[in-house]
Amino acid sequence: MDLAPEDSLRLNVLLANRPQAIRIDESRMILYALSPKGEMEVPLNPTCRDEQYLKQIREMLSMHALGSPSGYPRHVWSRMGHLNSENLEDLLLLGEPEAVVAIAYSEELSDELARKAWWALEDAENARQMLRAPAVVNGEMGPVLAAYLVEFLPFETEAEKIMDTVQLVLQPGLVDESVKGDLWKRARRKNAFYVGFLKALPDELPEPSTAIPVWERLEADLGEMANSGNRLAAQLRRVLSPPGQAWLATLDKVLEKPGTQDVVNRALEVVADYFSPVRPEGPADATIEELEKEAEIWVSDPGNALVQQILDLDRELVQELTAMRVLAGSGYGIVRPVFGRSDAIGTLMRRKLQPVLEPYRKHISRLRQIS
């Protein structure tokens, strides 16, 4: 069945004027087009069932944009981010939401493409994905997408999406200090927010902290070692500093009462990243017992010059170095004995985790100088 004559005429005129993007309101049967002069709309007049008519409309758009009436389906896989830049602009003309998603996931995404894609489909997942692109974060669309995600955040129920959102909107230049403060307050009720802060602002958390005696005593010496290339001294100085103590205190809040397995797993990933200079060989996949044994051997190895340099400064730092090495090995291996057998959340999950998180948190306490 052919398109209604008036629809065919209007669409051909519209396409001849080279629109930048097209979207379709299926409930109202209106096609919208974005042009340099603004937004245009074409009311559709179905000559058959709406679904069939929309299929014909999209075939016409696909023929115009891609040269094939069935050009869209082959792009579904592009959500993986492998879409090249040659036909990104063309996908915006298909009036197909999944094609817009493909653009959001593209490694070739630019700020201008993000602007057009956002007009075509405002969606929280699209916004998160586009904020992973440096060109968007540093462009005009970065603050726009961040503002949308902050406003939408109260409606997010999944911890993983909350952690992703907080981490992404806290990238430099996207939100002001008042927004950061509001997000920090929300973390008191839902500690998934804290995990986003731990990743995005490890040295700038809005958490008050004072200097501990060992930092005041050794800060200058550790700084000299760090400047001479001792990465362990640099990390130890970072951890013992007031911002480092705030980071550890926040981490401990998360692990004291995590709500879901996702929160625990992400927190462990963030810890491994924070302490990565202590484990340059890469992530570990070990239980807490295995990490503790390995750390004892590591810190007592006389051939470990970086460790020995720090111990020559103060032999009592052996416990802090051991703790850093254990935390640097954070990962799923620590919780596998529990999560590998249970999908529990909440209170039951925390009870099952106690045998592994209790010794793990002792290393955090050691670095906080809490006995």
Protein backbone atom coordinates (compact mmCIF):
# COMPACT_ATOMS: atom_id res chain seq x y z
CA MET A 1 0.00 0.00 0.00
CA ASP A 2 1.37 3.42 -0.99
CA LEU A 3 1.84 6.42 1.25
CA ALA A 4 -0.89 9.03 1.29
CA PRO A 5 -0.19 11.49 -1.57
CA GLU A 6 0.09 14.46 0.81
CA ASP A 7 2.57 12.56 3.00
CA SER A 8 4.65 11.50 0.04
CA LEU A 9 4.83 15.08 -1.22
CA ARG A 10 5.66 16.62 2.14
CA LEU A 11 8.31 14.03 2.92
CA ASN A 12 9.99 14.41 -0.45
CA VAL A 13 10.10 18.18 -0.01
CA LEU A 14 11.43 17.76 3.53
CA LEU A 15 14.19 15.37 2.44
CA ALA A 16 15.12 17.62 -0.46
CA ASN A 17 15.86 20.33 2.10
CA ARG A 18 18.48 18.11 3.77
CA PRO A 19 17.28 17.72 7.36
CA GLN A 20 19.89 17.03 10.05
CA ALA A 21 17.85 14.47 11.97
CA ILE A 22 14.39 12.90 12.02
CA ARG A 23 12.26 11.46 14.80
CA ILE A 24 8.75 10.04 14.76
CA ASP A 25 6.11 10.38 17.47
CA GLU A 26 4.35 7.07 16.91
CA SER A 27 1.52 7.76 19.35
CA ARG A 28 0.55 11.03 17.61
CA MET A 29 1.69 9.94 14.12
CA ILE A 30 3.81 13.04 13.57
CA LEU A 31 7.24 13.11 11.92
CA TYR A 32 9.63 15.80 13.13
CA ALA A 33 12.74 17.01 11.35
CA LEU A 34 15.63 19.10 12.63
CA SER A 35 17.09 21.68 10.28
CA PRO A 36 19.50 24.60 10.68
CA LYS A 37 16.43 26.87 10.78
CA GLY A 38 14.69 24.94 13.54
CA GLU A 39 12.22 22.09 13.90
CA MET A 40 9.67 21.08 11.29
CA GLU A 41 6.77 18.66 11.62
CA VAL A 42 4.78 16.56 9.19
CA PRO A 43 1.47 15.10 10.40
CA LEU A 44 1.08 11.61 8.95
CA ASN A 45 -2.12 10.35 7.37
CA PRO A 46 -2.08 6.53 7.50
CA THR A 47 -3.75 4.63 4.71
CA CYS A 48 -3.46 1.35 6.66
CA ARG A 49 -2.67 0.20 10.19
CA ASP A 50 -0.25 2.57 11.94
CA GLU A 51 2.46 -0.09 12.30
CA GLN A 52 2.40 -0.93 8.60
CA TYR A 53 2.34 2.73 7.65
CA LEU A 54 5.32 3.55 9.85
CA LYS A 55 7.19 0.66 8.29
CA GLN A 56 6.63 2.21 4.86
CA ILE A 57 7.72 5.62 6.13
CA ARG A 58 10.94 4.19 7.52
CA GLU A 59 11.61 2.26 4.31
CA MET A 60 11.31 5.52 2.42
CA LEU A 61 13.67 7.27 4.84
CA SER A 62 16.13 4.39 4.66
CA MET A 63 16.10 4.42 0.85
CA HIS A 64 16.88 8.13 0.93
CA ALA A 65 19.60 7.94 3.60
CA LEU A 66 21.25 4.59 2.89
CA GLY A 67 20.12 3.63 -0.58
CA SER A 68 18.27 0.57 0.71
CA PRO A 69 14.77 0.19 2.19
CA SER A 70 16.12 -2.33 4.70
CA GLY A 71 19.29 -0.50 5.70
CA TYR A 72 18.57 -0.19 9.41
CA PRO A 73 18.73 -3.76 10.82
CA ARG A 74 22.39 -4.24 9.93
CA HIS A 75 23.25 -1.48 12.37
CA VAL A 76 21.81 -3.12 15.46
CA TRP A 77 25.20 -4.65 16.33
CA SER A 78 26.78 -1.20 16.26
CA ARG A 79 25.66 -0.64 19.87
CA MET A 80 28.99 -2.32 20.63
CA GLY A 81 30.73 0.86 19.48
CA HIS A 82 32.24 -0.39 16.21
CA LEU A 83 30.22 1.83 13.87
CA ASN A 84 32.46 3.87 11.60
CA SER A 85 32.02 7.57 10.90
CA GLU A 86 30.99 7.24 7.27
CA ASN A 87 27.25 6.87 7.82
CA LEU A 88 26.65 8.27 11.29
CA GLU A 89 24.92 11.35 9.89
CA ASP A 90 22.79 9.13 7.67
CA LEU A 91 21.53 7.10 10.62
CA LEU A 92 19.98 10.23 12.07
CA LEU A 93 17.61 10.35 9.11
CA LEU A 94 16.04 6.92 9.68
CA GLY A 95 13.57 8.00 12.33
CA GLU A 96 14.56 4.87 14.23
CA PRO A 97 15.43 5.01 17.96
CA GLU A 98 17.85 2.08 17.79
CA ALA A 99 19.80 3.87 15.09
CA VAL A 100 20.21 6.84 17.44
CA VAL A 101 21.48 4.47 20.13
CA ALA A 102 24.06 3.23 17.63
CA ILE A 103 25.32 6.80 17.26
CA ALA A 104 25.51 7.27 21.03
CA TYR A 105 27.73 4.19 21.27
CA SER A 106 29.98 5.12 18.36
CA GLU A 107 33.66 5.76 19.00
CA GLU A 108 33.42 8.51 16.38
CA LEU A 109 30.85 10.54 18.32
CA SER A 110 31.41 14.30 18.15
CA ASP A 111 29.78 17.10 20.11
CA GLU A 112 27.72 18.14 17.08
CA LEU A 113 26.55 14.59 16.46
CA ALA A 114 25.62 14.32 20.12
CA ARG A 115 23.50 17.46 19.81
CA LYS A 116 21.55 16.01 16.90
CA ALA A 117 21.25 12.57 18.48
CA TRP A 118 19.96 14.11 21.71
CA TRP A 119 17.30 15.99 19.78
CA ALA A 120 16.32 12.71 18.11
CA LEU A 121 16.10 10.70 21.34
CA GLU A 122 16.38 12.01 24.89
CA ASP A 123 17.19 8.95 26.95
CA ALA A 124 19.20 8.49 30.15
CA GLU A 125 21.21 5.55 28.84
CA ASN A 126 22.09 7.51 25.70
CA ALA A 127 23.18 10.44 27.84
CA ARG A 128 25.43 8.22 29.96
CA GLN A 129 26.97 6.65 26.91
CA MET A 130 27.62 9.99 25.22
CA LEU A 131 29.29 11.33 28.37
CA ARG A 132 31.94 8.64 27.94
CA ALA A 133 33.17 10.50 24.84
CA PRO A 134 35.79 13.20 25.61
CA ALA A 135 34.58 15.30 22.66
CA VAL A 136 31.14 15.51 24.25
CA VAL A 137 32.38 16.07 27.81
CA ASN A 138 34.53 18.97 26.60
CA GLY A 139 31.88 20.33 24.23
CA GLU A 140 28.63 22.21 24.58
CA MET A 141 26.54 19.06 25.07
CA GLY A 142 28.42 17.83 28.13
CA PRO A 143 26.68 20.11 30.67
CA VAL A 144 23.33 19.61 28.93
CA LEU A 145 23.50 15.83 29.26
CA ALA A 146 24.83 16.04 32.81
CA ALA A 147 21.96 18.31 33.87
CA TYR A 148 19.45 15.86 32.41
CA LEU A 149 21.01 12.92 34.23
CA VAL A 150 21.07 14.75 37.55
CA GLU A 151 17.39 15.63 37.15
CA PHE A 152 16.57 12.04 36.19
CA LEU A 153 18.64 10.50 38.98
CA PRO A 154 15.78 10.26 41.53
CA PHE A 155 14.00 7.89 39.14
CA GLU A 156 16.95 5.50 38.81
CA THR A 157 16.52 2.37 40.88
CA GLU A 158 19.49 0.24 39.78
CA ALA A 159 22.69 0.76 41.77
CA GLU A 160 24.85 0.26 38.69
CA LYS A 161 23.14 3.09 36.83
CA ILE A 162 23.36 5.36 39.86
CA MET A 163 27.10 4.73 40.20
CA ASP A 164 27.67 5.30 36.49
CA THR A 165 25.61 8.49 36.47
CA VAL A 166 27.35 10.05 39.47
CA GLN A 167 30.80 9.17 38.14
CA LEU A 168 30.01 10.60 34.70
CA VAL A 169 28.40 13.88 35.78
CA LEU A 170 31.29 14.59 38.16
CA GLN A 171 33.72 14.88 35.27
CA PRO A 172 35.39 18.32 35.19
CA GLY A 173 33.25 21.20 33.98
CA LEU A 174 29.87 19.46 33.85
CA VAL A 175 28.13 20.45 37.09
CA ASP A 176 28.69 23.21 39.63
CA GLU A 177 29.61 22.88 43.30
CA SER A 178 26.02 23.13 44.50
CA VAL A 179 25.07 20.08 42.43
CA LYS A 180 28.07 18.17 43.77
CA GLY A 181 26.99 19.07 47.29
CA ASP A 182 23.45 17.87 46.66
CA LEU A 183 24.68 14.56 45.24
CA TRP A 184 26.93 14.10 48.27
CA LYS A 185 23.95 14.60 50.59
CA ARG A 186 21.98 11.98 48.68
CA ALA A 187 24.80 9.50 49.27
CA ARG A 188 23.93 9.42 52.96
CA ARG A 189 20.70 7.65 52.04
CA LYS A 190 22.04 5.55 49.17
CA ASN A 191 25.75 4.75 49.30
CA ALA A 192 25.93 3.81 45.62
CA PHE A 193 26.39 7.59 45.19
CA TYR A 194 29.59 7.40 47.24
CA VAL A 195 31.08 4.88 44.82
CA GLY A 196 30.66 7.34 41.95
CA PHE A 197 32.44 10.00 44.01
CA LEU A 198 35.27 7.63 44.98
CA LYS A 199 35.99 7.01 41.30
CA ALA A 200 35.45 10.49 39.90
CA LEU A 201 36.90 12.71 42.66
CA PRO A 202 39.32 10.57 44.67
CA ASP A 203 41.38 13.54 45.86
CA GLU A 204 38.58 16.13 46.07
CA LEU A 205 35.80 14.52 48.09
CA PRO A 206 33.52 16.95 49.97
CA GLU A 207 34.30 15.05 53.16
CA PRO A 208 36.12 16.89 55.97
CA SER A 209 39.26 15.23 57.24
CA THR A 210 42.22 16.24 59.35
CA ALA A 211 45.87 15.29 59.05
CA ILE A 212 46.98 12.24 61.02
CA PRO A 213 50.29 12.32 62.96
CA VAL A 214 52.18 9.93 60.68
CA TRP A 215 51.43 12.11 57.64
CA GLU A 216 52.58 15.28 59.37
CA ARG A 217 55.76 13.51 60.47
CA LEU A 218 56.67 11.83 57.17
CA GLU A 219 54.97 13.91 54.46
CA ALA A 220 58.12 15.79 53.45
CA ASP A 221 60.34 12.69 53.33
CA LEU A 222 57.77 10.70 51.39
CA GLY A 223 57.42 13.63 49.01
CA GLU A 224 61.16 13.61 48.31
CA MET A 225 61.06 9.86 47.61
CA ALA A 226 58.08 10.33 45.33
CA ASN A 227 59.88 13.06 43.40
CA SER A 228 62.81 10.66 42.99
CA GLY A 229 60.56 8.08 41.34
CA ASN A 230 59.34 5.94 44.23
CA ARG A 231 55.72 5.30 43.23
CA LEU A 232 55.00 3.47 46.51
CA ALA A 233 56.06 6.52 48.50
CA ALA A 234 53.83 8.69 46.31
CA GLN A 235 50.86 6.42 46.93
CA LEU A 236 51.53 6.16 50.66
CA ARG A 237 51.79 9.94 50.91
CA ARG A 238 48.53 10.26 48.99
CA VAL A 239 46.72 7.79 51.25
CA LEU A 240 47.97 9.29 54.51
CA SER A 241 47.11 12.86 53.45
CA PRO A 242 43.80 14.46 54.56
CA PRO A 243 42.17 13.85 51.13
CA GLY A 244 43.38 10.24 51.25
CA GLN A 245 41.93 9.78 54.71
CA ALA A 246 38.60 11.19 53.48
CA TRP A 247 38.69 8.70 50.60
CA LEU A 248 39.32 5.77 52.97
CA ALA A 249 36.58 6.91 55.35
CA THR A 250 34.11 7.12 52.48
CA LEU A 251 35.11 3.69 51.21
CA ASP A 252 34.57 2.25 54.67
CA LYS A 253 31.06 3.74 54.75
CA VAL A 254 30.26 1.92 51.53
CA LEU A 255 31.60 -1.42 52.74
CA GLU A 256 29.96 -1.08 56.14
CA LYS A 257 26.48 -1.31 54.68
CA PRO A 258 26.41 -2.05 50.92
CA GLY A 259 22.96 -2.65 49.48
CA THR A 260 23.70 -4.83 46.48
CA GLN A 261 26.37 -7.04 44.97
CA ASP A 262 26.88 -4.45 42.22
CA VAL A 263 27.89 -1.85 44.81
CA VAL A 264 30.42 -4.22 46.38
CA ASN A 265 31.91 -5.29 43.07
CA ARG A 266 32.22 -1.74 41.75
CA ALA A 267 33.72 -0.51 45.02
CA LEU A 268 36.40 -3.21 44.83
CA GLU A 269 37.18 -2.20 41.23
CA VAL A 270 37.55 1.43 42.32
CA VAL A 271 39.89 0.43 45.16
CA ALA A 272 42.08 -1.58 42.79
CA ASP A 273 42.31 1.42 40.47
CA TYR A 274 43.13 3.83 43.31
CA PHE A 275 45.95 1.61 44.57
CA SER A 276 47.13 0.50 41.12
CA PRO A 277 50.63 2.07 41.53
CA VAL A 278 51.24 -0.51 44.27
CA ARG A 279 50.49 -3.37 41.87
CA PRO A 280 51.94 -2.36 38.48
CA GLU A 281 51.68 -5.94 37.22
CA GLY A 282 47.92 -5.50 36.99
CA PRO A 283 44.78 -6.69 38.79
CA ALA A 284 44.77 -9.78 40.99
CA ASP A 285 42.11 -12.46 41.20
CA ALA A 286 42.61 -13.81 44.70
CA THR A 287 40.86 -14.32 48.02
CA ILE A 288 41.59 -12.07 50.98
CA GLU A 289 43.68 -14.83 52.55
CA GLU A 290 45.77 -15.23 49.40
CA LEU A 291 46.27 -11.48 49.11
CA GLU A 292 47.42 -11.21 52.72
CA LYS A 293 49.97 -14.02 52.32
CA GLU A 294 51.28 -12.54 49.08
CA ALA A 295 51.55 -9.07 50.68
CA GLU A 296 53.61 -10.42 53.57
CA ILE A 297 56.09 -11.97 51.15
CA TRP A 298 56.13 -8.82 48.99
CA VAL A 299 56.85 -6.43 51.85
CA SER A 300 59.59 -8.62 53.34
CA ASP A 301 61.45 -9.16 50.06
CA PRO A 302 64.90 -7.54 50.47
CA GLY A 303 65.10 -7.17 46.72
CA ASN A 304 62.09 -4.85 46.64
CA ALA A 305 64.05 -1.61 46.55
CA LEU A 306 61.06 0.75 46.68
CA VAL A 307 59.70 -0.96 49.78
CA GLN A 308 63.08 -1.04 51.48
CA GLN A 309 63.63 2.66 50.86
CA ILE A 310 60.41 3.44 52.74
CA LEU A 311 61.20 1.00 55.55
CA ASP A 312 64.63 2.57 55.96
CA LEU A 313 62.74 5.78 56.70
CA ASP A 314 60.44 4.13 59.25
CA ARG A 315 60.30 0.37 59.93
CA GLU A 316 56.80 0.69 61.40
CA LEU A 317 55.42 1.48 57.95
CA VAL A 318 55.51 -2.23 57.13
CA GLN A 319 51.85 -2.55 58.12
CA GLU A 320 50.78 0.39 55.95
CA LEU A 321 52.68 -1.02 52.97
CA THR A 322 51.15 -4.44 53.53
CA ALA A 323 47.68 -2.91 53.69
CA MET A 324 48.22 -1.00 50.45
CA ARG A 325 49.40 -4.16 48.68
CA VAL A 326 46.33 -6.09 49.84
CA LEU A 327 43.95 -3.33 48.77
CA ALA A 328 45.71 -3.05 45.42
CA GLY A 329 44.62 -6.64 44.77
CA SER A 330 40.94 -5.85 45.28
CA GLY A 331 38.57 -7.57 42.91
CA TYR A 332 35.91 -10.19 42.45
CA GLY A 333 38.25 -12.88 43.79
CA ILE A 334 37.70 -11.53 47.30
CA VAL A 335 33.92 -11.98 47.19
CA ARG A 336 33.76 -14.98 44.84
CA PRO A 337 33.44 -17.45 47.76
CA VAL A 338 30.18 -15.66 48.65
CA PHE A 339 28.82 -14.24 45.39
CA GLY A 340 29.66 -17.40 43.50
CA ARG A 341 27.09 -19.26 45.57
CA SER A 342 24.51 -16.63 46.44
CA ASP A 343 22.60 -13.78 44.80
CA ALA A 344 21.52 -12.35 48.16
CA ILE A 345 21.27 -8.59 48.67
CA GLY A 346 20.75 -6.32 51.66
CA THR A 347 21.10 -7.64 55.19
CA LEU A 348 21.53 -11.29 54.18
CA MET A 349 24.29 -10.40 51.72
CA ARG A 350 26.13 -8.35 54.33
CA ARG A 351 25.92 -11.21 56.81
CA LYS A 352 27.38 -13.64 54.28
CA LEU A 353 30.13 -11.16 53.36
CA GLN A 354 31.28 -10.56 56.91
CA PRO A 355 33.98 -13.31 56.92
CA VAL A 356 35.71 -11.69 53.92
CA LEU A 357 34.92 -7.99 54.39
CA GLU A 358 35.84 -7.87 58.07
CA PRO A 359 39.54 -8.74 57.49
CA TYR A 360 39.51 -6.62 54.32
CA ARG A 361 38.27 -3.57 56.21
CA LYS A 362 41.00 -4.02 58.82
CA HIS A 363 43.52 -3.01 56.17
CA ILE A 364 41.50 0.14 55.53
CA SER A 365 41.52 0.84 59.27
CA ARG A 366 45.27 0.35 59.36
CA LEU A 367 45.78 3.03 56.74
CA ARG A 368 43.43 5.29 58.69
CA GLN A 369 45.55 4.70 61.80
CA ILE A 370 42.56 3.13 63.55
CA SER A 371 43.44 0.17 65.71
